[in-house]
Amino acid sequence: YMPKELMAIEWICFASTTYNAFVPLYTNVSKLPKY
């Protein structure tokens, strides 16, 4: 339902999902944060 530039969101969780947060990120980028 969004403009094509805004469509994609990737939720990322590292390590065991039971204990950790899912982080939503825009994927229409040339780089991601160093963290």
All heavy atoms as atom14 arrays in JSON, in Angstrom:
{
  "sequence": "YMPKELMAIEWICFASTTYNAFVPLYTNVSKLPKY",
  "atom14_mask": [
    [1, 1, 1, 1, 1, 1, 1, 1, 1, 1, 1, 1, 0, 0],
    [1, 1, 1, 1, 1, 1, 1, 1, 0, 0, 0, 0, 0, 0],
    [1, 1, 1, 1, 1, 1, 1, 0, 0, 0, 0, 0, 0, 0],
    [1, 1, 1, 1, 1, 1, 1, 1, 1, 0, 0, 0, 0, 0],
    [1, 1, 1, 1, 1, 1, 1, 1, 1, 0, 0, 0, 0, 0],
    [1, 1, 1, 1, 1, 1, 1, 1, 0, 0, 0, 0, 0, 0],
    [1, 1, 1, 1, 1, 1, 1, 1, 0, 0, 0, 0, 0, 0],
    [1, 1, 1, 1, 1, 0, 0, 0, 0, 0, 0, 0, 0, 0],
    [1, 1, 1, 1, 1, 1, 1, 1, 0, 0, 0, 0, 0, 0],
    [1, 1, 1, 1, 1, 1, 1, 1, 1, 0, 0, 0, 0, 0],
    [1, 1, 1, 1, 1, 1, 1, 1, 1, 1, 1, 1, 1, 1],
    [1, 1, 1, 1, 1, 1, 1, 1, 0, 0, 0, 0, 0, 0],
    [1, 1, 1, 1, 1, 1, 0, 0, 0, 0, 0, 0, 0, 0],
    [1, 1, 1, 1, 1, 1, 1, 1, 1, 1, 1, 0, 0, 0],
    [1, 1, 1, 1, 1, 0, 0, 0, 0, 0, 0, 0, 0, 0],
    [1, 1, 1, 1, 1, 1, 0, 0, 0, 0, 0, 0, 0, 0],
    [1, 1, 1, 1, 1, 1, 1, 0, 0, 0, 0, 0, 0, 0],
    [1, 1, 1, 1, 1, 1, 1, 0, 0, 0, 0, 0, 0, 0],
    [1, 1, 1, 1, 1, 1, 1, 1, 1, 1, 1, 1, 0, 0],
    [1, 1, 1, 1, 1, 1, 1, 1, 0, 0, 0, 0, 0, 0],
    [1, 1, 1, 1, 1, 0, 0, 0, 0, 0, 0, 0, 0, 0],
    [1, 1, 1, 1, 1, 1, 1, 1, 1, 1, 1, 0, 0, 0],
    [1, 1, 1, 1, 1, 1, 1, 0, 0, 0, 0, 0, 0, 0],
    [1, 1, 1, 1, 1, 1, 1, 0, 0, 0, 0, 0, 0, 0],
    [1, 1, 1, 1, 1, 1, 1, 1, 0, 0, 0, 0, 0, 0],
    [1, 1, 1, 1, 1, 1, 1, 1, 1, 1, 1, 1, 0, 0],
    [1, 1, 1, 1, 1, 1, 1, 0, 0, 0, 0, 0, 0, 0],
    [1, 1, 1, 1, 1, 1, 1, 1, 0, 0, 0, 0, 0, 0],
    [1, 1, 1, 1, 1, 1, 1, 0, 0, 0, 0, 0, 0, 0],
    [1, 1, 1, 1, 1, 1, 0, 0, 0, 0, 0, 0, 0, 0],
    [1, 1, 1, 1, 1, 1, 1, 1, 1, 0, 0, 0, 0, 0],
    [1, 1, 1, 1, 1, 1, 1, 1, 0, 0, 0, 0, 0, 0],
    [1, 1, 1, 1, 1, 1, 1, 0, 0, 0, 0, 0, 0, 0],
    [1, 1, 1, 1, 1, 1, 1, 1, 1, 0, 0, 0, 0, 0],
    [1, 1, 1, 1, 1, 1, 1, 1, 1, 1, 1, 1, 0, 0]
  ],
  "atom14_positions": [
    [[0.82, -1.21, 0.0], [0.0, 0.0, 0.0], [0.85, 1.27, 0.0], [0.32, 2.38, -0.09], [-0.91, 0.0, 1.23], [-0.16, -0.11, 2.55], [0.24, 1.02, 3.25], [0.14, -1.35, 3.08], [0.93, 0.93, 4.44], [0.83, -1.46, 4.28], [1.22, -0.33, 4.96], [1.91, -0.44, 6.14], [0.0, 0.0, 0.0], [0.0, 0.0, 0.0]],
    [[2.17, 1.14, 0.1], [3.06, 2.29, 0.16], [3.66, 2.58, -1.21], [3.7, 1.71, -2.08], [4.19, 2.02, 1.16], [3.73, 1.81, 2.59], [3.04, 3.3, 3.32], [4.53, 4.23, 3.67], [0.0, 0.0, 0.0], [0.0, 0.0, 0.0], [0.0, 0.0, 0.0], [0.0, 0.0, 0.0], [0.0, 0.0, 0.0], [0.0, 0.0, 0.0]],
    [[4.18, 3.8, -1.43], [4.97, 4.06, -2.65], [6.12, 3.07, -2.73], [6.62, 2.6, -1.69], [5.49, 5.49, -2.42], [4.54, 6.1, -1.46], [4.07, 5.0, -0.57], [0.0, 0.0, 0.0], [0.0, 0.0, 0.0], [0.0, 0.0, 0.0], [0.0, 0.0, 0.0], [0.0, 0.0, 0.0], [0.0, 0.0, 0.0], [0.0, 0.0, 0.0]],
    [[6.53, 2.72, -3.93], [7.51, 1.64, -4.09], [8.8, 1.9, -3.32], [9.45, 0.97, -2.84], [7.81, 1.39, -5.58], [8.54, 2.49, -6.31], [8.8, 2.09, -7.76], [9.68, 3.06, -8.51], [9.1, 4.4, -8.61], [0.0, 0.0, 0.0], [0.0, 0.0, 0.0], [0.0, 0.0, 0.0], [0.0, 0.0, 0.0], [0.0, 0.0, 0.0]],
    [[9.16, 3.17, -3.15], [10.39, 3.49, -2.43], [10.29, 3.12, -0.95], [11.31, 2.88, -0.29], [10.7, 4.99, -2.54], [11.05, 5.45, -3.95], [9.83, 5.79, -4.78], [8.68, 5.61, -4.29], [10.0, 6.24, -5.93], [0.0, 0.0, 0.0], [0.0, 0.0, 0.0], [0.0, 0.0, 0.0], [0.0, 0.0, 0.0], [0.0, 0.0, 0.0]],
    [[9.07, 3.06, -0.42], [8.85, 2.85, 1.01], [8.34, 1.46, 1.36], [8.08, 1.17, 2.52], [7.84, 3.88, 1.54], [8.27, 5.35, 1.53], [7.06, 6.25, 1.71], [9.28, 5.6, 2.63], [0.0, 0.0, 0.0], [0.0, 0.0, 0.0], [0.0, 0.0, 0.0], [0.0, 0.0, 0.0], [0.0, 0.0, 0.0], [0.0, 0.0, 0.0]],
    [[8.19, 0.61, 0.37], [7.5, -0.67, 0.6], [8.22, -1.6, 1.57], [7.59, -2.29, 2.37], [7.31, -1.4, -0.73], [6.16, -0.9, -1.55], [5.93, -1.94, -3.01], [4.69, -0.99, -3.88], [0.0, 0.0, 0.0], [0.0, 0.0, 0.0], [0.0, 0.0, 0.0], [0.0, 0.0, 0.0], [0.0, 0.0, 0.0], [0.0, 0.0, 0.0]],
    [[9.53, -1.66, 1.49], [10.25, -2.75, 2.16], [10.72, -2.36, 3.56], [11.4, -1.36, 3.76], [11.44, -3.17, 1.31], [0.0, 0.0, 0.0], [0.0, 0.0, 0.0], [0.0, 0.0, 0.0], [0.0, 0.0, 0.0], [0.0, 0.0, 0.0], [0.0, 0.0, 0.0], [0.0, 0.0, 0.0], [0.0, 0.0, 0.0], [0.0, 0.0, 0.0]],
    [[10.36, -3.22, 4.51], [10.85, -3.14, 5.89], [11.36, -4.53, 6.27], [10.65, -5.52, 6.07], [9.75, -2.72, 6.88], [9.23, -1.32, 6.54], [10.25, -2.79, 8.32], [10.19, -0.2, 6.88], [0.0, 0.0, 0.0], [0.0, 0.0, 0.0], [0.0, 0.0, 0.0], [0.0, 0.0, 0.0], [0.0, 0.0, 0.0], [0.0, 0.0, 0.0]],
    [[12.55, -4.59, 6.83], [13.08, -5.88, 7.3], [13.28, -5.8, 8.81], [14.01, -4.94, 9.32], [14.4, -6.2, 6.61], [14.86, -7.63, 6.84], [15.99, -8.06, 5.91], [16.46, -7.21, 5.11], [16.41, -9.22, 5.98], [0.0, 0.0, 0.0], [0.0, 0.0, 0.0], [0.0, 0.0, 0.0], [0.0, 0.0, 0.0], [0.0, 0.0, 0.0]],
    [[12.59, -6.69, 9.52], [12.7, -6.77, 10.97], [13.81, -7.78, 11.31], [13.75, -8.93, 10.88], [11.39, -7.24, 11.59], [10.22, -6.33, 11.36], [9.57, -6.1, 10.18], [9.55, -5.54, 12.34], [8.54, -5.22, 10.36], [8.49, -4.86, 11.69], [9.73, -5.37, 13.72], [7.64, -4.0, 12.38], [8.87, -4.51, 14.4], [7.84, -3.83, 13.72]],
    [[14.79, -7.35, 12.09], [15.95, -8.19, 12.38], [16.05, -8.43, 13.89], [15.9, -7.51, 14.7], [17.24, -7.52, 11.87], [17.28, -7.53, 10.35], [18.49, -8.21, 12.43], [17.42, -8.91, 9.73], [0.0, 0.0, 0.0], [0.0, 0.0, 0.0], [0.0, 0.0, 0.0], [0.0, 0.0, 0.0], [0.0, 0.0, 0.0], [0.0, 0.0, 0.0]],
    [[16.33, -9.69, 14.22], [16.58, -10.07, 15.62], [17.8, -10.98, 15.64], [17.83, -12.0, 14.93], [15.37, -10.78, 16.19], [15.59, -11.41, 17.88], [0.0, 0.0, 0.0], [0.0, 0.0, 0.0], [0.0, 0.0, 0.0], [0.0, 0.0, 0.0], [0.0, 0.0, 0.0], [0.0, 0.0, 0.0], [0.0, 0.0, 0.0], [0.0, 0.0, 0.0]],
    [[18.81, -10.64, 16.41], [19.99, -11.49, 16.55], [19.84, -12.38, 17.78], [19.22, -12.01, 18.77], [21.26, -10.66, 16.67], [21.68, -9.98, 15.39], [21.64, -8.61, 15.26], [22.09, -10.73, 14.3], [22.04, -7.98, 14.09], [22.48, -10.12, 13.11], [22.45, -8.74, 13.01], [0.0, 0.0, 0.0], [0.0, 0.0, 0.0], [0.0, 0.0, 0.0]],
    [[20.46, -13.56, 17.71], [20.5, -14.54, 18.81], [19.1, -15.05, 19.14], [18.17, -14.92, 18.34], [21.2, -13.94, 20.02], [0.0, 0.0, 0.0], [0.0, 0.0, 0.0], [0.0, 0.0, 0.0], [0.0, 0.0, 0.0], [0.0, 0.0, 0.0], [0.0, 0.0, 0.0], [0.0, 0.0, 0.0], [0.0, 0.0, 0.0], [0.0, 0.0, 0.0]],
    [[18.93, -15.66, 20.29], [17.67, -16.33, 20.62], [16.5, -15.36, 20.63], [16.51, -14.35, 21.34], [17.78, -17.01, 21.98], [16.54, -17.58, 22.34], [0.0, 0.0, 0.0], [0.0, 0.0, 0.0], [0.0, 0.0, 0.0], [0.0, 0.0, 0.0], [0.0, 0.0, 0.0], [0.0, 0.0, 0.0], [0.0, 0.0, 0.0], [0.0, 0.0, 0.0]],
    [[15.48, -15.68, 19.85], [14.31, -14.81, 19.74], [13.54, -14.7, 21.04], [12.83, -13.71, 21.27], [13.36, -15.34, 18.65], [13.11, -16.74, 18.9], [13.95, -15.17, 17.27], [0.0, 0.0, 0.0], [0.0, 0.0, 0.0], [0.0, 0.0, 0.0], [0.0, 0.0, 0.0], [0.0, 0.0, 0.0], [0.0, 0.0, 0.0], [0.0, 0.0, 0.0]],
    [[13.65, -15.69, 21.9], [12.92, -15.67, 23.17], [13.3, -14.45, 24.0], [12.49, -13.91, 24.75], [13.2, -16.95, 23.96], [12.8, -18.08, 23.18], [12.45, -16.98, 25.29], [0.0, 0.0, 0.0], [0.0, 0.0, 0.0], [0.0, 0.0, 0.0], [0.0, 0.0, 0.0], [0.0, 0.0, 0.0], [0.0, 0.0, 0.0], [0.0, 0.0, 0.0]],
    [[14.54, -14.01, 23.87], [15.06, -12.98, 24.76], [15.4, -11.65, 24.08], [15.86, -10.73, 24.76], [16.33, -13.5, 25.44], [16.16, -14.84, 26.09], [16.85, -15.95, 25.63], [15.26, -15.01, 27.14], [16.68, -17.19, 26.2], [15.08, -16.25, 27.71], [15.78, -17.34, 27.25], [15.59, -18.56, 27.82], [0.0, 0.0, 0.0], [0.0, 0.0, 0.0]],
    [[15.2, -11.54, 22.78], [15.71, -10.37, 22.08], [14.67, -9.66, 21.22], [13.66, -10.25, 20.82], [16.94, -10.75, 21.26], [18.14, -11.01, 22.16], [18.69, -10.07, 22.73], [18.53, -12.27, 22.3], [0.0, 0.0, 0.0], [0.0, 0.0, 0.0], [0.0, 0.0, 0.0], [0.0, 0.0, 0.0], [0.0, 0.0, 0.0], [0.0, 0.0, 0.0]],
    [[14.94, -8.4, 20.94], [14.01, -7.53, 20.24], [14.14, -7.66, 18.73], [15.23, -7.89, 18.2], [14.25, -6.08, 20.65], [0.0, 0.0, 0.0], [0.0, 0.0, 0.0], [0.0, 0.0, 0.0], [0.0, 0.0, 0.0], [0.0, 0.0, 0.0], [0.0, 0.0, 0.0], [0.0, 0.0, 0.0], [0.0, 0.0, 0.0], [0.0, 0.0, 0.0]],
    [[13.01, -7.51, 18.03], [12.97, -7.41, 16.58], [13.03, -5.93, 16.21], [12.22, -5.13, 16.68], [11.71, -8.04, 16.02], [11.77, -9.54, 15.92], [11.7, -10.33, 17.05], [11.89, -10.16, 14.68], [11.75, -11.71, 16.96], [11.94, -11.53, 14.57], [11.88, -12.32, 15.72], [0.0, 0.0, 0.0], [0.0, 0.0, 0.0], [0.0, 0.0, 0.0]],
    [[13.97, -5.58, 15.34], [14.22, -4.18, 14.98], [13.81, -3.94, 13.53], [14.35, -4.56, 12.62], [15.72, -3.84, 15.15], [15.95, -2.36, 14.86], [16.21, -4.22, 16.55], [0.0, 0.0, 0.0], [0.0, 0.0, 0.0], [0.0, 0.0, 0.0], [0.0, 0.0, 0.0], [0.0, 0.0, 0.0], [0.0, 0.0, 0.0], [0.0, 0.0, 0.0]],
    [[12.84, -3.04, 13.27], [12.42, -2.76, 11.89], [13.36, -1.76, 11.23], [13.72, -0.74, 11.82], [11.02, -2.17, 12.07], [11.07, -1.5, 13.41], [12.01, -2.31, 14.25], [0.0, 0.0, 0.0], [0.0, 0.0, 0.0], [0.0, 0.0, 0.0], [0.0, 0.0, 0.0], [0.0, 0.0, 0.0], [0.0, 0.0, 0.0], [0.0, 0.0, 0.0]],
    [[13.74, -2.04, 9.97], [14.68, -1.18, 9.26], [14.24, -1.0, 7.81], [13.75, -1.93, 7.17], [16.08, -1.8, 9.28], [16.72, -1.96, 10.66], [17.76, -3.07, 10.63], [17.34, -0.65, 11.12], [0.0, 0.0, 0.0], [0.0, 0.0, 0.0], [0.0, 0.0, 0.0], [0.0, 0.0, 0.0], [0.0, 0.0, 0.0], [0.0, 0.0, 0.0]],
    [[14.44, 0.2, 7.3], [14.26, 0.42, 5.87], [15.39, -0.29, 5.12], [16.56, -0.24, 5.53], [14.32, 1.91, 5.54], [13.13, 2.72, 5.99], [13.25, 3.64, 7.03], [11.9, 2.6, 5.35], [12.17, 4.43, 7.43], [10.81, 3.37, 5.74], [10.96, 4.28, 6.79], [9.88, 5.05, 7.17], [0.0, 0.0, 0.0], [0.0, 0.0, 0.0]],
    [[15.05, -0.93, 3.99], [16.07, -1.64, 3.21], [16.49, -0.9, 1.95], [17.45, -1.31, 1.29], [15.59, -3.04, 2.82], [14.43, -2.94, 1.98], [15.26, -3.87, 4.05], [0.0, 0.0, 0.0], [0.0, 0.0, 0.0], [0.0, 0.0, 0.0], [0.0, 0.0, 0.0], [0.0, 0.0, 0.0], [0.0, 0.0, 0.0], [0.0, 0.0, 0.0]],
    [[15.79, 0.19, 1.61], [16.13, 0.96, 0.41], [17.28, 1.91, 0.73], [17.16, 3.13, 0.68], [14.9, 1.72, -0.08], [15.13, 2.39, -1.42], [16.13, 2.13, -2.11], [14.22, 3.27, -1.8], [0.0, 0.0, 0.0], [0.0, 0.0, 0.0], [0.0, 0.0, 0.0], [0.0, 0.0, 0.0], [0.0, 0.0, 0.0], [0.0, 0.0, 0.0]],
    [[18.43, 1.33, 1.08], [19.58, 2.1, 1.55], [20.85, 1.57, 0.9], [20.9, 0.44, 0.41], [19.72, 2.02, 3.09], [18.56, 2.71, 3.78], [19.83, 0.57, 3.56], [0.0, 0.0, 0.0], [0.0, 0.0, 0.0], [0.0, 0.0, 0.0], [0.0, 0.0, 0.0], [0.0, 0.0, 0.0], [0.0, 0.0, 0.0], [0.0, 0.0, 0.0]],
    [[21.9, 2.37, 0.95], [23.2, 1.93, 0.44], [24.1, 1.41, 1.55], [25.11, 0.76, 1.28], [23.91, 3.09, -0.28], [24.12, 4.18, 0.6], [0.0, 0.0, 0.0], [0.0, 0.0, 0.0], [0.0, 0.0, 0.0], [0.0, 0.0, 0.0], [0.0, 0.0, 0.0], [0.0, 0.0, 0.0], [0.0, 0.0, 0.0], [0.0, 0.0, 0.0]],
    [[23.73, 1.69, 2.81], [24.5, 1.19, 3.94], [23.59, 1.1, 5.16], [22.52, 1.7, 5.22], [25.69, 2.09, 4.23], [25.31, 3.5, 4.66], [26.54, 4.34, 4.95], [26.12, 5.76, 5.4], [27.29, 6.59, 5.74], [0.0, 0.0, 0.0], [0.0, 0.0, 0.0], [0.0, 0.0, 0.0], [0.0, 0.0, 0.0], [0.0, 0.0, 0.0]],
    [[24.06, 0.33, 6.15], [23.33, 0.16, 7.41], [24.22, 0.62, 8.56], [25.44, 0.69, 8.44], [22.93, -1.3, 7.59], [21.81, -1.81, 6.68], [21.77, -3.33, 6.65], [20.46, -1.25, 7.12], [0.0, 0.0, 0.0], [0.0, 0.0, 0.0], [0.0, 0.0, 0.0], [0.0, 0.0, 0.0], [0.0, 0.0, 0.0], [0.0, 0.0, 0.0]],
    [[23.62, 0.92, 9.73], [24.41, 1.37, 10.87], [25.46, 0.34, 11.31], [25.26, -0.87, 11.21], [23.35, 1.58, 11.96], [22.09, 1.88, 11.21], [22.17, 1.01, 9.99], [0.0, 0.0, 0.0], [0.0, 0.0, 0.0], [0.0, 0.0, 0.0], [0.0, 0.0, 0.0], [0.0, 0.0, 0.0], [0.0, 0.0, 0.0], [0.0, 0.0, 0.0]],
    [[26.57, 0.85, 11.82], [27.7, 0.0, 12.23], [27.33, -0.96, 13.34], [27.96, -2.01, 13.49], [28.88, 0.88, 12.64], [29.51, 1.64, 11.49], [30.72, 2.43, 11.95], [31.38, 3.16, 10.77], [32.57, 3.94, 11.19], [0.0, 0.0, 0.0], [0.0, 0.0, 0.0], [0.0, 0.0, 0.0], [0.0, 0.0, 0.0], [0.0, 0.0, 0.0]],
    [[26.34, -0.62, 14.13], [25.9, -1.5, 15.23], [25.4, -2.84, 14.69], [25.36, -3.84, 15.4], [24.8, -0.79, 16.02], [24.48, -1.35, 17.38], [25.47, -1.56, 18.34], [23.16, -1.63, 17.73], [25.15, -2.05, 19.6], [22.83, -2.11, 18.98], [23.83, -2.32, 19.92], [23.52, -2.8, 21.17], [0.0, 0.0, 0.0], [0.0, 0.0, 0.0]]
  ]
}
